[in-house]
Amino acid sequence: MIRKLKLKKRLLALRLEEWQIERAKEMARRKHVPYQQLMREWISRGIRSEGTKRRRVQ
């Protein structure tokens, strides 16, 4: 059985355009996941991607 590691989360206030929130909600509905979870995943992927780019450049 595979278990996901539960890391502690902190509250973060982020101001987004209304269309960005609505688009994220639409995409989350299609994937059957909560939109905030989907947005956390996008942010996580972006951070990992940026880290990988920097390592390649150095």
C-alpha atoms as a PDB file:
ATOM      1  CA  MET A   1       0.000   0.000   0.000  1.00  0.00           C
ATOM      2  CA  ILE A   2       1.323   3.439  -0.962  1.00  0.00           C
ATOM      3  CA  ARG A   3       0.840   6.230   1.574  1.00  0.00           C
ATOM      4  CA  LYS A   4       1.261   9.907   0.882  1.00  0.00           C
ATOM      5  CA  LEU A   5       3.378  11.768   3.379  1.00  0.00           C
ATOM      6  CA  LYS A   6       1.239  14.408   5.112  1.00  0.00           C
ATOM      7  CA  LEU A   7       3.265  17.550   5.572  1.00  0.00           C
ATOM      8  CA  LYS A   8       2.144  20.430   7.729  1.00  0.00           C
ATOM      9  CA  LYS A   9       0.512  23.205   5.735  1.00  0.00           C
ATOM     10  CA  ARG A  10       0.454  26.921   6.531  1.00  0.00           C
ATOM     11  CA  LEU A  11      -2.143  29.443   5.520  1.00  0.00           C
ATOM     12  CA  LEU A  12      -1.134  31.770   2.682  1.00  0.00           C
ATOM     13  CA  ALA A  13      -3.224  34.622   1.331  1.00  0.00           C
ATOM     14  CA  LEU A  14      -2.889  35.080  -2.397  1.00  0.00           C
ATOM     15  CA  ARG A  15      -4.739  37.567  -4.574  1.00  0.00           C
ATOM     16  CA  LEU A  16      -5.641  36.175  -7.975  1.00  0.00           C
ATOM     17  CA  GLU A  17      -7.718  37.498 -10.829  1.00  0.00           C
ATOM     18  CA  GLU A  18     -11.327  36.293 -10.735  1.00  0.00           C
ATOM     19  CA  TRP A  19     -10.915  34.485 -14.076  1.00  0.00           C
ATOM     20  CA  GLN A  20      -7.915  32.550 -12.725  1.00  0.00           C
ATOM     21  CA  ILE A  21      -9.918  31.234  -9.797  1.00  0.00           C
ATOM     22  CA  GLU A  22     -12.896  30.330 -11.979  1.00  0.00           C
ATOM     23  CA  ARG A  23     -10.682  28.562 -14.516  1.00  0.00           C
ATOM     24  CA  ALA A  24      -8.954  26.594 -11.748  1.00  0.00           C
ATOM     25  CA  LYS A  25     -12.345  25.564 -10.358  1.00  0.00           C
ATOM     26  CA  GLU A  26     -13.508  24.394 -13.800  1.00  0.00           C
ATOM     27  CA  MET A  27     -10.361  22.340 -14.307  1.00  0.00           C
ATOM     28  CA  ALA A  28     -10.620  20.862 -10.807  1.00  0.00           C
ATOM     29  CA  ARG A  29     -14.243  19.841 -11.410  1.00  0.00           C
ATOM     30  CA  ARG A  30     -13.209  17.984 -14.572  1.00  0.00           C
ATOM     31  CA  LYS A  31     -10.484  16.175 -12.614  1.00  0.00           C
ATOM     32  CA  HIS A  32     -12.805  15.528  -9.650  1.00  0.00           C
ATOM     33  CA  VAL A  33     -10.465  17.138  -7.124  1.00  0.00           C
ATOM     34  CA  PRO A  34     -10.818  20.195  -4.872  1.00  0.00           C
ATOM     35  CA  TYR A  35      -9.567  23.304  -6.663  1.00  0.00           C
ATOM     36  CA  GLN A  36      -7.253  24.323  -3.826  1.00  0.00           C
ATOM     37  CA  GLN A  37      -5.583  20.916  -3.946  1.00  0.00           C
ATOM     38  CA  LEU A  38      -5.114  21.310  -7.703  1.00  0.00           C
ATOM     39  CA  MET A  39      -3.592  24.763  -7.263  1.00  0.00           C
ATOM     40  CA  ARG A  40      -1.191  23.448  -4.584  1.00  0.00           C
ATOM     41  CA  GLU A  41      -0.090  20.765  -7.041  1.00  0.00           C
ATOM     42  CA  TRP A  42       0.526  23.367  -9.766  1.00  0.00           C
ATOM     43  CA  ILE A  43       2.593  25.497  -7.391  1.00  0.00           C
ATOM     44  CA  SER A  44       4.570  22.466  -6.248  1.00  0.00           C
ATOM     45  CA  ARG A  45       5.313  21.428  -9.845  1.00  0.00           C
ATOM     46  CA  GLY A  46       6.387  24.971 -10.715  1.00  0.00           C
ATOM     47  CA  ILE A  47       8.780  25.149  -7.766  1.00  0.00           C
ATOM     48  CA  ARG A  48      10.282  21.760  -8.635  1.00  0.00           C
ATOM     49  CA  SER A  49      10.597  22.774 -12.292  1.00  0.00           C
ATOM     50  CA  GLU A  50      12.383  26.028 -11.437  1.00  0.00           C
ATOM     51  CA  GLY A  51      14.766  24.144  -9.140  1.00  0.00           C
ATOM     52  CA  THR A  52      15.590  21.708 -11.932  1.00  0.00           C
ATOM     53  CA  LYS A  53      16.232  24.548 -14.403  1.00  0.00           C
ATOM     54  CA  ARG A  54      18.646  26.262 -12.024  1.00  0.00           C
ATOM     55  CA  ARG A  55      20.626  23.076 -11.423  1.00  0.00           C
ATOM     56  CA  ARG A  56      21.031  22.556 -15.180  1.00  0.00           C
ATOM     57  CA  VAL A  57      22.296  26.125 -15.669  1.00  0.00           C
ATOM     58  CA  GLN A  58      24.906  25.980 -12.898  1.00  0.00           C
END
